[in-house]
Amino acid sequence: PEKNEPMNQVTIYTDGACKGNPGVGGWGVLLRSATGVEKELCGGEQETTNNRMEMMAVIQALSALKRPCAVTLYLDSQYVLKGITEWLPNWKARNWKTAAKQPVKNADLWQQLDVLTSQKGHTIDWQWVRGHTGDVGNERADALANQGITTL
């Protein structure tokens, strides 16, 4: 956007699902623009984990944005939330090793998320919601994640 042009406001709900952990998994995304336009995305993988599907949902959501946006992102994964808001800087500083000097699990996806959150110009307000408690956006994302499993 131009200097004084406001960023597009986007609300995103993401969720992942897995049948067995590891097992067959799916991810789901609900994007909603400030004007009320909605877009649904979903997909799946044969052999994966729930954490990877939670991360993939966020990756796919942010990848779908064509220009820098002011994003409010709702997710029910403490793993993704803490990873992106707390753990990531230390992992990067330690060359993708944990404090115990072990390789960071899912480093391939964390690196993708790092690029999407730090180099694409988005401002992201991360909002954790408890899953399966009737939050309409979260329930839609969950249904999409389960739909993603059936696409395999």
Protein backbone atom coordinates (compact mmCIF):
# COMPACT_ATOMS: atom_id res chain seq x y z
CA PRO A 1 0.00 0.00 0.00
CA GLU A 2 0.97 3.64 -0.46
CA LYS A 3 2.36 5.38 2.61
CA ASN A 4 -0.93 6.88 3.78
CA GLU A 5 -3.17 4.15 2.43
CA PRO A 6 -4.65 2.01 5.21
CA MET A 7 -3.79 -1.69 5.16
CA ASN A 8 -6.54 -4.13 4.32
CA GLN A 9 -8.06 -5.60 7.48
CA VAL A 10 -8.39 -9.38 7.41
CA THR A 11 -9.71 -11.77 10.06
CA ILE A 12 -8.38 -15.32 9.79
CA TYR A 13 -9.38 -18.50 11.59
CA THR A 14 -7.09 -21.53 11.28
CA ASP A 15 -7.24 -25.09 12.53
CA GLY A 16 -5.58 -28.43 12.02
CA ALA A 17 -6.90 -31.96 12.50
CA CYS A 18 -5.33 -35.39 12.58
CA LYS A 19 -6.77 -38.90 12.59
CA GLY A 20 -4.10 -40.58 14.63
CA ASN A 21 -1.03 -38.60 15.68
CA PRO A 22 0.92 -39.19 13.51
CA GLY A 23 -1.65 -40.10 10.91
CA VAL A 24 -3.71 -38.62 8.13
CA GLY A 25 -4.24 -34.91 8.70
CA GLY A 26 -5.97 -31.83 7.40
CA TRP A 27 -5.83 -28.07 7.75
CA GLY A 28 -8.54 -25.46 7.37
CA VAL A 29 -8.63 -21.70 6.93
CA LEU A 30 -11.42 -19.14 6.98
CA LEU A 31 -10.39 -15.69 5.69
CA ARG A 32 -12.78 -12.75 6.12
CA SER A 33 -12.09 -9.30 4.70
CA ALA A 34 -13.28 -6.10 6.36
CA THR A 35 -15.93 -5.87 3.62
CA GLY A 36 -17.30 -9.29 4.64
CA VAL A 37 -15.93 -11.28 1.70
CA GLU A 38 -15.07 -14.80 2.85
CA LYS A 39 -12.72 -17.39 1.42
CA GLU A 40 -12.32 -20.96 2.65
CA LEU A 41 -9.20 -23.07 2.12
CA CYS A 42 -8.42 -26.64 3.11
CA GLY A 43 -6.04 -29.46 2.35
CA GLY A 44 -4.48 -32.53 3.84
CA GLU A 45 -1.48 -34.82 4.09
CA GLN A 46 -1.26 -38.60 4.37
CA GLU A 47 1.35 -38.94 7.12
CA THR A 48 1.58 -35.97 9.45
CA THR A 49 0.96 -34.69 12.98
CA ASN A 50 -1.61 -32.40 14.50
CA ASN A 51 1.03 -29.73 15.20
CA ARG A 52 2.16 -29.75 11.56
CA MET A 53 -1.44 -29.34 10.40
CA GLU A 54 -2.01 -26.44 12.82
CA MET A 55 1.12 -24.79 11.39
CA MET A 56 0.19 -25.56 7.79
CA ALA A 57 -3.17 -23.84 8.27
CA VAL A 58 -1.41 -20.61 9.32
CA ILE A 59 1.13 -20.93 6.48
CA GLN A 60 -1.63 -21.41 3.89
CA ALA A 61 -3.68 -18.54 5.35
CA LEU A 62 -0.81 -16.04 5.26
CA SER A 63 0.33 -17.28 1.84
CA ALA A 64 -3.15 -16.53 0.47
CA LEU A 65 -2.77 -12.81 1.23
CA LYS A 66 -1.74 -10.94 -1.91
CA ARG A 67 -0.53 -7.74 -0.22
CA PRO A 68 0.49 -6.62 3.28
CA CYS A 69 -2.54 -6.77 5.58
CA ALA A 70 -3.53 -5.97 9.14
CA VAL A 71 -4.42 -9.48 10.26
CA THR A 72 -6.30 -10.68 13.31
CA LEU A 73 -5.50 -14.39 13.40
CA TYR A 74 -7.51 -16.75 15.61
CA LEU A 75 -6.03 -20.17 16.37
CA ASP A 76 -6.61 -22.84 18.99
CA SER A 77 -3.02 -24.16 19.02
CA GLN A 78 -0.88 -23.08 21.97
CA TYR A 79 2.06 -24.76 20.17
CA VAL A 80 1.81 -22.44 17.15
CA LEU A 81 1.01 -19.38 19.26
CA LYS A 82 3.92 -19.85 21.68
CA GLY A 83 6.24 -20.92 18.88
CA ILE A 84 5.65 -17.80 16.83
CA THR A 85 5.37 -15.29 19.68
CA GLU A 86 7.89 -16.68 22.21
CA TRP A 87 10.19 -19.49 21.04
CA LEU A 88 11.08 -18.51 17.45
CA PRO A 89 13.69 -15.80 18.17
CA ASN A 90 15.67 -18.17 20.41
CA TRP A 91 15.45 -21.02 17.91
CA LYS A 92 16.80 -18.76 15.19
CA ALA A 93 19.58 -17.47 17.44
CA ARG A 94 20.57 -21.07 18.21
CA ASN A 95 20.48 -22.08 14.52
CA TRP A 96 17.19 -24.01 14.86
CA LYS A 97 18.19 -25.89 18.01
CA THR A 98 16.22 -26.07 21.25
CA ALA A 99 17.67 -24.96 24.59
CA ALA A 100 18.57 -28.65 25.06
CA LYS A 101 20.58 -28.43 21.79
CA GLN A 102 18.14 -30.73 19.98
CA PRO A 103 16.91 -29.92 16.46
CA VAL A 104 13.67 -27.92 16.56
CA LYS A 105 10.74 -30.14 15.58
CA ASN A 106 8.99 -28.96 12.41
CA ALA A 107 11.83 -26.51 11.64
CA ASP A 108 10.87 -26.58 7.93
CA LEU A 109 7.43 -25.16 8.74
CA TRP A 110 8.72 -22.76 11.40
CA GLN A 111 11.11 -21.32 8.80
CA GLN A 112 8.21 -20.80 6.37
CA LEU A 113 6.16 -19.16 9.12
CA ASP A 114 9.09 -16.95 10.05
CA VAL A 115 9.32 -15.60 6.48
CA LEU A 116 5.54 -15.10 6.22
CA THR A 117 5.32 -13.27 9.55
CA SER A 118 8.49 -11.18 9.34
CA GLN A 119 9.10 -10.40 5.66
CA LYS A 120 5.70 -9.91 4.02
CA GLY A 121 4.73 -6.64 5.68
CA HIS A 122 1.73 -7.97 7.63
CA THR A 123 0.86 -6.81 11.09
CA ILE A 124 -0.54 -9.83 12.93
CA ASP A 125 -2.59 -9.78 16.10
CA TRP A 126 -2.42 -13.39 17.38
CA GLN A 127 -5.57 -14.43 19.25
CA TRP A 128 -5.83 -17.80 20.98
CA VAL A 129 -9.29 -19.33 21.26
CA ARG A 130 -10.19 -22.53 23.06
CA GLY A 131 -11.13 -25.14 20.46
CA HIS A 132 -14.54 -26.79 20.33
CA THR A 133 -16.26 -24.19 22.52
CA GLY A 134 -18.67 -22.81 19.95
CA ASP A 135 -16.53 -19.98 18.50
CA VAL A 136 -18.16 -19.78 15.05
CA GLY A 137 -14.97 -19.00 13.11
CA ASN A 138 -12.99 -21.69 14.92
CA GLU A 139 -15.74 -24.25 14.32
CA ARG A 140 -15.74 -23.42 10.58
CA ALA A 141 -11.94 -23.77 10.43
CA ASP A 142 -12.21 -27.10 12.27
CA ALA A 143 -14.83 -28.35 9.81
CA LEU A 144 -12.57 -27.28 6.92
CA ALA A 145 -9.60 -29.09 8.47
CA ASN A 146 -11.68 -32.25 8.67
CA GLN A 147 -12.85 -31.67 5.10
CA GLY A 148 -9.17 -31.40 4.13
CA ILE A 149 -8.62 -34.94 5.39
CA THR A 150 -11.37 -36.22 3.10
CA THR A 151 -9.72 -34.66 0.02
CA LEU A 152 -6.89 -37.22 0.19
